[in-house]
Amino acid sequence: MPKLKTLSGSDIITILKSFNFFVAGQKGSHIKMKRMVSGISQTLTIPNHPELDRGTIRAIYNQASRYISPVELQKFFTPNKIILD
């Protein structure tokens, strides 16, 4: 897995909303995101902090990759590299 971007909780919430997840609830600073696919509920919990630790981002990425293709997730979670010729 390549190096991950530094993201905030709201960044990850925006990313997950683009994959049809919605905010299902909140307890303290943790937001529960859900989506229904073929009658199966998929749930992720995201800490809504200004900056998340890379280990937390990696854990969220790994959990989300159970539901979303890792190739699609990498577009949002890894830095865009500019290749100069």
Protein backbone atom coordinates (compact mmCIF):
# COMPACT_ATOMS: atom_id res chain seq x y z
CA MET A 1 0.00 0.00 0.00
CA PRO A 2 1.42 3.40 -0.93
CA LYS A 3 1.80 6.28 1.50
CA LEU A 4 -1.49 7.83 2.59
CA LYS A 5 -2.53 11.48 2.54
CA THR A 6 -3.12 13.36 5.76
CA LEU A 7 -6.91 13.65 5.96
CA SER A 8 -9.45 15.04 8.39
CA GLY A 9 -12.59 13.28 9.51
CA SER A 10 -14.69 15.60 7.35
CA ASP A 11 -12.48 14.77 4.32
CA ILE A 12 -13.18 11.06 4.79
CA ILE A 13 -16.89 11.69 5.34
CA THR A 14 -17.00 13.58 2.01
CA ILE A 15 -15.15 10.71 0.29
CA LEU A 16 -17.58 8.13 1.67
CA LYS A 17 -20.59 10.23 0.67
CA SER A 18 -19.34 10.01 -2.94
CA PHE A 19 -19.76 6.21 -2.57
CA ASN A 20 -23.39 6.62 -1.39
CA PHE A 21 -22.72 6.38 2.35
CA PHE A 22 -24.85 8.63 4.55
CA VAL A 23 -24.53 9.89 8.11
CA ALA A 24 -26.58 7.51 10.26
CA GLY A 25 -25.72 8.94 13.66
CA GLN A 26 -23.13 10.52 15.88
CA LYS A 27 -21.89 9.84 19.38
CA GLY A 28 -19.44 12.45 20.58
CA SER A 29 -16.97 13.11 17.79
CA HIS A 30 -17.50 9.76 16.07
CA ILE A 31 -19.83 9.65 13.06
CA LYS A 32 -21.48 6.46 11.89
CA MET A 33 -21.73 6.19 8.09
CA LYS A 34 -24.00 3.64 6.42
CA ARG A 35 -25.17 2.49 3.04
CA MET A 36 -27.43 -0.31 1.86
CA VAL A 37 -26.29 -2.54 -1.00
CA SER A 38 -28.52 -5.42 -2.13
CA GLY A 39 -30.30 -5.35 1.23
CA ILE A 40 -27.05 -5.56 3.19
CA SER A 41 -26.15 -2.73 5.57
CA GLN A 42 -22.53 -1.54 5.37
CA THR A 43 -21.33 0.57 8.32
CA LEU A 44 -18.15 2.55 9.02
CA THR A 45 -17.35 4.76 12.01
CA ILE A 46 -15.26 7.87 11.40
CA PRO A 47 -13.73 10.12 14.10
CA ASN A 48 -14.57 13.70 13.11
CA HIS A 49 -11.22 15.27 14.04
CA PRO A 50 -9.34 18.06 12.23
CA GLU A 51 -6.44 15.71 11.42
CA LEU A 52 -6.40 11.93 11.74
CA ASP A 53 -3.34 9.82 12.54
CA ARG A 54 -2.03 7.83 9.59
CA GLY A 55 -2.75 4.58 11.45
CA THR A 56 -6.39 5.63 11.86
CA ILE A 57 -6.59 6.60 8.17
CA ARG A 58 -5.10 3.21 7.22
CA ALA A 59 -7.62 1.39 9.44
CA ILE A 60 -10.52 3.31 7.86
CA TYR A 61 -9.10 2.57 4.39
CA ASN A 62 -8.82 -1.15 5.20
CA GLN A 63 -12.37 -1.29 6.58
CA ALA A 64 -13.79 0.66 3.62
CA SER A 65 -11.98 -1.63 1.17
CA ARG A 66 -14.28 -4.46 2.32
CA TYR A 67 -17.12 -2.56 0.64
CA ILE A 68 -15.40 -0.40 -2.00
CA SER A 69 -12.77 -1.41 -4.55
CA PRO A 70 -9.28 -0.53 -3.25
CA VAL A 71 -8.45 0.89 -6.69
CA GLU A 72 -11.29 3.41 -6.31
CA LEU A 73 -10.30 4.26 -2.73
CA GLN A 74 -6.65 4.85 -3.59
CA LYS A 75 -7.67 7.78 -5.79
CA PHE A 76 -8.83 9.58 -2.64
CA PHE A 77 -6.47 8.24 0.04
CA THR A 78 -3.09 8.44 -1.70
CA PRO A 79 -1.23 11.55 -2.88
CA ASN A 80 -1.47 12.39 -6.56
CA LYS A 81 1.97 12.07 -8.04
CA ILE A 82 3.01 14.31 -10.88
CA ILE A 83 5.39 12.59 -13.26
CA LEU A 84 7.74 14.96 -15.07
CA ASP A 85 9.50 13.76 -18.20
